[in-house]
Amino acid sequence: MTKPHARRAGLDDLDALGHLYDAYRQFYGMPSEPDATRAYLKARLTNEESVVFVAEAGSRVIGFCQLYPSFCSVFMGPIFVLYDMFVASEARQRGAGASLLASAAQHADRHGALRMDLKTARNNEAAQSLYEANGWVRNEMFYEYNRMPSGASGHP
């Protein structure tokens, strides 16, 4: 496999990206919904509500990350939330994740972000190692809370 490189995704990437996004959701225990994942990504890209980067090895898309713009009220400026990141299992440990993180950081820097935030499962030690090796620091100051609307099930 050739060394992976990352680039910003566009609508032309929807088929490959949709497949990976569906696998990502399944990793978190969600059912396979290829049409719904493709539609979700298409809406985010079309409406410019998120920024998606894909990692490629040769001409094959092997991973992605998705950033959502937000703001920090305390420092009164823009931030990015790296909410989704996934590399196909057969393509891991080859630099795709690091390439995606670098592209995301460059994008955030170009857009004047004060910081980037992300969260990962406590048992996802492989991802934690990748993040820490690429300069991310675990937040020990704040607890995270979520509230699901009544009637909703599961936890994303």
C-alpha atoms as a PDB file:
ATOM      1  CA  MET A   1       0.000   0.000   0.000  1.00  0.00           C
ATOM      2  CA  THR A   2       1.316   3.451  -0.910  1.00  0.00           C
ATOM      3  CA  LYS A   3       1.855   6.050   1.795  1.00  0.00           C
ATOM      4  CA  PRO A   4      -1.475   7.692   2.623  1.00  0.00           C
ATOM      5  CA  HIS A   5      -2.096  11.377   2.070  1.00  0.00           C
ATOM      6  CA  ALA A   6      -5.086  13.476   3.116  1.00  0.00           C
ATOM      7  CA  ARG A   7      -7.081  15.988   1.142  1.00  0.00           C
ATOM      8  CA  ARG A   8     -10.355  17.844   1.551  1.00  0.00           C
ATOM      9  CA  ALA A   9     -13.345  15.796   0.441  1.00  0.00           C
ATOM     10  CA  GLY A  10     -15.960  16.932  -2.028  1.00  0.00           C
ATOM     11  CA  LEU A  11     -19.231  15.646  -3.384  1.00  0.00           C
ATOM     12  CA  ASP A  12     -17.316  13.414  -5.823  1.00  0.00           C
ATOM     13  CA  ASP A  13     -16.137  11.413  -2.797  1.00  0.00           C
ATOM     14  CA  LEU A  14     -19.623  10.555  -1.525  1.00  0.00           C
ATOM     15  CA  ASP A  15     -19.659   6.905  -2.610  1.00  0.00           C
ATOM     16  CA  ALA A  16     -16.333   5.968  -1.011  1.00  0.00           C
ATOM     17  CA  LEU A  17     -16.911   8.268   1.944  1.00  0.00           C
ATOM     18  CA  GLY A  18     -20.414   6.922   2.545  1.00  0.00           C
ATOM     19  CA  HIS A  19     -19.076   3.369   2.734  1.00  0.00           C
ATOM     20  CA  LEU A  20     -16.454   4.345   5.320  1.00  0.00           C
ATOM     21  CA  TYR A  21     -18.906   6.456   7.304  1.00  0.00           C
ATOM     22  CA  ASP A  22     -21.293   3.509   7.488  1.00  0.00           C
ATOM     23  CA  ALA A  23     -18.439   1.304   8.786  1.00  0.00           C
ATOM     24  CA  TYR A  24     -17.582   4.009  11.343  1.00  0.00           C
ATOM     25  CA  ARG A  25     -21.140   4.035  12.646  1.00  0.00           C
ATOM     26  CA  GLN A  26     -21.140   0.242  12.866  1.00  0.00           C
ATOM     27  CA  PHE A  27     -17.917   0.479  14.911  1.00  0.00           C
ATOM     28  CA  TYR A  28     -20.018   2.403  17.456  1.00  0.00           C
ATOM     29  CA  GLY A  29     -22.795  -0.211  17.444  1.00  0.00           C
ATOM     30  CA  MET A  30     -25.167   1.440  15.001  1.00  0.00           C
ATOM     31  CA  PRO A  31     -26.933  -0.540  12.240  1.00  0.00           C
ATOM     32  CA  SER A  32     -25.728  -0.326   8.657  1.00  0.00           C
ATOM     33  CA  GLU A  33     -27.636   2.405   6.816  1.00  0.00           C
ATOM     34  CA  PRO A  34     -25.680   3.157   3.622  1.00  0.00           C
ATOM     35  CA  ASP A  35     -28.323   5.379   2.014  1.00  0.00           C
ATOM     36  CA  ALA A  36     -28.861   7.406   5.187  1.00  0.00           C
ATOM     37  CA  THR A  37     -25.110   7.875   5.798  1.00  0.00           C
ATOM     38  CA  ARG A  38     -24.574   9.040   2.221  1.00  0.00           C
ATOM     39  CA  ALA A  39     -27.500  11.496   2.524  1.00  0.00           C
ATOM     40  CA  TYR A  40     -26.177  12.787   5.860  1.00  0.00           C
ATOM     41  CA  LEU A  41     -22.728  13.445   4.433  1.00  0.00           C
ATOM     42  CA  LYS A  42     -24.128  14.984   1.265  1.00  0.00           C
ATOM     43  CA  ALA A  43     -26.170  17.445   3.345  1.00  0.00           C
ATOM     44  CA  ARG A  44     -23.171  18.422   5.503  1.00  0.00           C
ATOM     45  CA  LEU A  45     -20.987  19.022   2.425  1.00  0.00           C
ATOM     46  CA  THR A  46     -23.650  20.724   0.317  1.00  0.00           C
ATOM     47  CA  ASN A  47     -24.677  23.065   3.123  1.00  0.00           C
ATOM     48  CA  GLU A  48     -21.037  23.636   4.165  1.00  0.00           C
ATOM     49  CA  GLU A  49     -21.908  22.631   7.722  1.00  0.00           C
ATOM     50  CA  SER A  50     -18.765  20.559   8.170  1.00  0.00           C
ATOM     51  CA  VAL A  51     -15.340  20.068   6.669  1.00  0.00           C
ATOM     52  CA  VAL A  52     -14.400  16.521   5.700  1.00  0.00           C
ATOM     53  CA  PHE A  53     -10.944  15.244   4.875  1.00  0.00           C
ATOM     54  CA  VAL A  54     -10.257  11.875   3.292  1.00  0.00           C
ATOM     55  CA  ALA A  55      -7.090   9.813   3.477  1.00  0.00           C
ATOM     56  CA  GLU A  56      -6.089   8.104   0.256  1.00  0.00           C
ATOM     57  CA  ALA A  57      -3.586   5.402  -0.550  1.00  0.00           C
ATOM     58  CA  GLY A  58      -3.112   5.521  -4.285  1.00  0.00           C
ATOM     59  CA  SER A  59      -6.600   6.234  -5.596  1.00  0.00           C
ATOM     60  CA  ARG A  60      -8.407   4.392  -2.775  1.00  0.00           C
ATOM     61  CA  VAL A  61     -10.120   6.318   0.048  1.00  0.00           C
ATOM     62  CA  ILE A  62      -9.146   4.554   3.280  1.00  0.00           C
ATOM     63  CA  GLY A  63     -10.146   6.999   6.009  1.00  0.00           C
ATOM     64  CA  PHE A  64     -11.823  10.264   6.860  1.00  0.00           C
ATOM     65  CA  CYS A  65     -12.278  12.878   9.542  1.00  0.00           C
ATOM     66  CA  GLN A  66     -15.062  15.412   9.916  1.00  0.00           C
ATOM     67  CA  LEU A  67     -14.757  18.821  11.560  1.00  0.00           C
ATOM     68  CA  TYR A  68     -17.596  20.994  12.763  1.00  0.00           C
ATOM     69  CA  PRO A  69     -17.040  24.720  13.295  1.00  0.00           C
ATOM     70  CA  SER A  70     -17.984  26.085  16.701  1.00  0.00           C
ATOM     71  CA  PHE A  71     -17.012  28.852  19.099  1.00  0.00           C
ATOM     72  CA  CYS A  72     -15.388  29.223  22.504  1.00  0.00           C
ATOM     73  CA  SER A  73     -17.333  31.719  24.594  1.00  0.00           C
ATOM     74  CA  VAL A  74     -14.600  32.154  27.200  1.00  0.00           C
ATOM     75  CA  PHE A  75     -11.896  33.073  24.668  1.00  0.00           C
ATOM     76  CA  MET A  76     -14.437  34.615  22.274  1.00  0.00           C
ATOM     77  CA  GLY A  77     -13.268  32.971  19.111  1.00  0.00           C
ATOM     78  CA  PRO A  78     -13.678  30.093  16.681  1.00  0.00           C
ATOM     79  CA  ILE A  79     -12.828  26.469  17.393  1.00  0.00           C
ATOM     80  CA  PHE A  80     -13.277  23.229  15.467  1.00  0.00           C
ATOM     81  CA  VAL A  81     -14.666  19.989  16.829  1.00  0.00           C
ATOM     82  CA  LEU A  82     -13.142  16.898  15.269  1.00  0.00           C
ATOM     83  CA  TYR A  83     -16.230  14.782  15.764  1.00  0.00           C
ATOM     84  CA  ASP A  84     -15.668  11.836  13.452  1.00  0.00           C
ATOM     85  CA  MET A  85     -12.516   9.996  12.437  1.00  0.00           C
ATOM     86  CA  PHE A  86     -12.153   6.532  10.995  1.00  0.00           C
ATOM     87  CA  VAL A  87      -9.569   4.531   9.070  1.00  0.00           C
ATOM     88  CA  ALA A  88     -10.483   1.211   7.458  1.00  0.00           C
ATOM     89  CA  SER A  89      -9.174  -1.620   9.631  1.00  0.00           C
ATOM     90  CA  GLU A  90      -6.963  -3.063   6.874  1.00  0.00           C
ATOM     91  CA  ALA A  91      -5.322   0.346   6.353  1.00  0.00           C
ATOM     92  CA  ARG A  92      -4.454   1.226   9.954  1.00  0.00           C
ATOM     93  CA  GLN A  93      -0.922   1.764  11.306  1.00  0.00           C
ATOM     94  CA  ARG A  94       0.247   3.196   7.967  1.00  0.00           C
ATOM     95  CA  GLY A  95       0.008   6.936   8.601  1.00  0.00           C
ATOM     96  CA  ALA A  96      -3.539   7.695   7.414  1.00  0.00           C
ATOM     97  CA  GLY A  97      -4.688   8.887  10.838  1.00  0.00           C
ATOM     98  CA  ALA A  98      -1.682  11.155  11.294  1.00  0.00           C
ATOM     99  CA  SER A  99      -2.214  12.585   7.812  1.00  0.00           C
ATOM    100  CA  LEU A 100      -5.873  13.311   8.573  1.00  0.00           C
ATOM    101  CA  LEU A 101      -4.993  14.981  11.881  1.00  0.00           C
ATOM    102  CA  ALA A 102      -2.342  17.125  10.203  1.00  0.00           C
ATOM    103  CA  SER A 103      -4.765  18.260   7.487  1.00  0.00           C
ATOM    104  CA  ALA A 104      -7.432  19.056  10.088  1.00  0.00           C
ATOM    105  CA  ALA A 105      -4.931  21.071  12.154  1.00  0.00           C
ATOM    106  CA  GLN A 106      -3.752  22.998   9.091  1.00  0.00           C
ATOM    107  CA  HIS A 107      -7.346  23.824   8.212  1.00  0.00           C
ATOM    108  CA  ALA A 108      -8.059  25.013  11.762  1.00  0.00           C
ATOM    109  CA  ASP A 109      -4.891  27.148  11.745  1.00  0.00           C
ATOM    110  CA  ARG A 110      -5.787  28.720   8.366  1.00  0.00           C
ATOM    111  CA  HIS A 111      -9.205  29.647   9.737  1.00  0.00           C
ATOM    112  CA  GLY A 112      -7.903  31.206  12.956  1.00  0.00           C
ATOM    113  CA  ALA A 113      -9.217  28.553  15.314  1.00  0.00           C
ATOM    114  CA  LEU A 114      -8.199  29.006  18.926  1.00  0.00           C
ATOM    115  CA  ARG A 115      -8.226  25.239  19.473  1.00  0.00           C
ATOM    116  CA  MET A 116      -9.577  21.927  18.283  1.00  0.00           C
ATOM    117  CA  ASP A 117     -11.603  19.542  20.438  1.00  0.00           C
ATOM    118  CA  LEU A 118     -12.339  15.851  20.106  1.00  0.00           C
ATOM    119  CA  LYS A 119     -13.600  12.990  22.189  1.00  0.00           C
ATOM    120  CA  THR A 120     -13.106   9.268  21.896  1.00  0.00           C
ATOM    121  CA  ALA A 121     -14.270   6.223  23.765  1.00  0.00           C
ATOM    122  CA  ARG A 122     -12.319   5.501  26.960  1.00  0.00           C
ATOM    123  CA  ASN A 123     -11.462   2.016  25.685  1.00  0.00           C
ATOM    124  CA  ASN A 124     -10.248   3.222  22.265  1.00  0.00           C
ATOM    125  CA  GLU A 125      -6.602   3.134  23.264  1.00  0.00           C
ATOM    126  CA  ALA A 126      -5.329   2.972  19.684  1.00  0.00           C
ATOM    127  CA  ALA A 127      -6.987   6.302  18.897  1.00  0.00           C
ATOM    128  CA  GLN A 128      -5.782   7.826  22.160  1.00  0.00           C
ATOM    129  CA  SER A 129      -2.198   6.855  21.314  1.00  0.00           C
ATOM    130  CA  LEU A 130      -2.538   8.393  17.858  1.00  0.00           C
ATOM    131  CA  TYR A 131      -3.952  11.646  19.213  1.00  0.00           C
ATOM    132  CA  GLU A 132      -1.314  11.978  21.924  1.00  0.00           C
ATOM    133  CA  ALA A 133       1.502  11.161  19.478  1.00  0.00           C
ATOM    134  CA  ASN A 134       0.226  14.020  17.307  1.00  0.00           C
ATOM    135  CA  GLY A 135       0.194  16.689  20.005  1.00  0.00           C
ATOM    136  CA  TRP A 136      -3.324  16.356  21.409  1.00  0.00           C
ATOM    137  CA  VAL A 137      -3.602  16.672  25.193  1.00  0.00           C
ATOM    138  CA  ARG A 138      -6.219  14.862  27.257  1.00  0.00           C
ATOM    139  CA  ASN A 139      -8.499  17.251  29.108  1.00  0.00           C
ATOM    140  CA  GLU A 140      -8.310  16.515  32.827  1.00  0.00           C
ATOM    141  CA  MET A 141     -10.161  19.667  33.867  1.00  0.00           C
ATOM    142  CA  PHE A 142     -13.731  19.126  32.666  1.00  0.00           C
ATOM    143  CA  TYR A 143     -16.325  16.397  32.808  1.00  0.00           C
ATOM    144  CA  GLU A 144     -18.464  15.817  29.774  1.00  0.00           C
ATOM    145  CA  TYR A 145     -22.242  15.510  30.018  1.00  0.00           C
ATOM    146  CA  ASN A 146     -24.816  14.553  27.427  1.00  0.00           C
ATOM    147  CA  ARG A 147     -28.575  14.672  27.444  1.00  0.00           C
ATOM    148  CA  MET A 148     -30.670  12.647  25.040  1.00  0.00           C
ATOM    149  CA  PRO A 149     -34.157  13.869  24.137  1.00  0.00           C
ATOM    150  CA  SER A 150     -36.947  11.896  25.759  1.00  0.00           C
ATOM    151  CA  GLY A 151     -37.782   8.866  23.655  1.00  0.00           C
ATOM    152  CA  ALA A 152     -34.324   8.612  22.117  1.00  0.00           C
ATOM    153  CA  SER A 153     -32.322   5.453  22.591  1.00  0.00           C
ATOM    154  CA  GLY A 154     -28.632   4.699  22.562  1.00  0.00           C
ATOM    155  CA  HIS A 155     -25.663   6.993  22.926  1.00  0.00           C
ATOM    156  CA  PRO A 156     -23.638   8.226  19.989  1.00  0.00           C
END
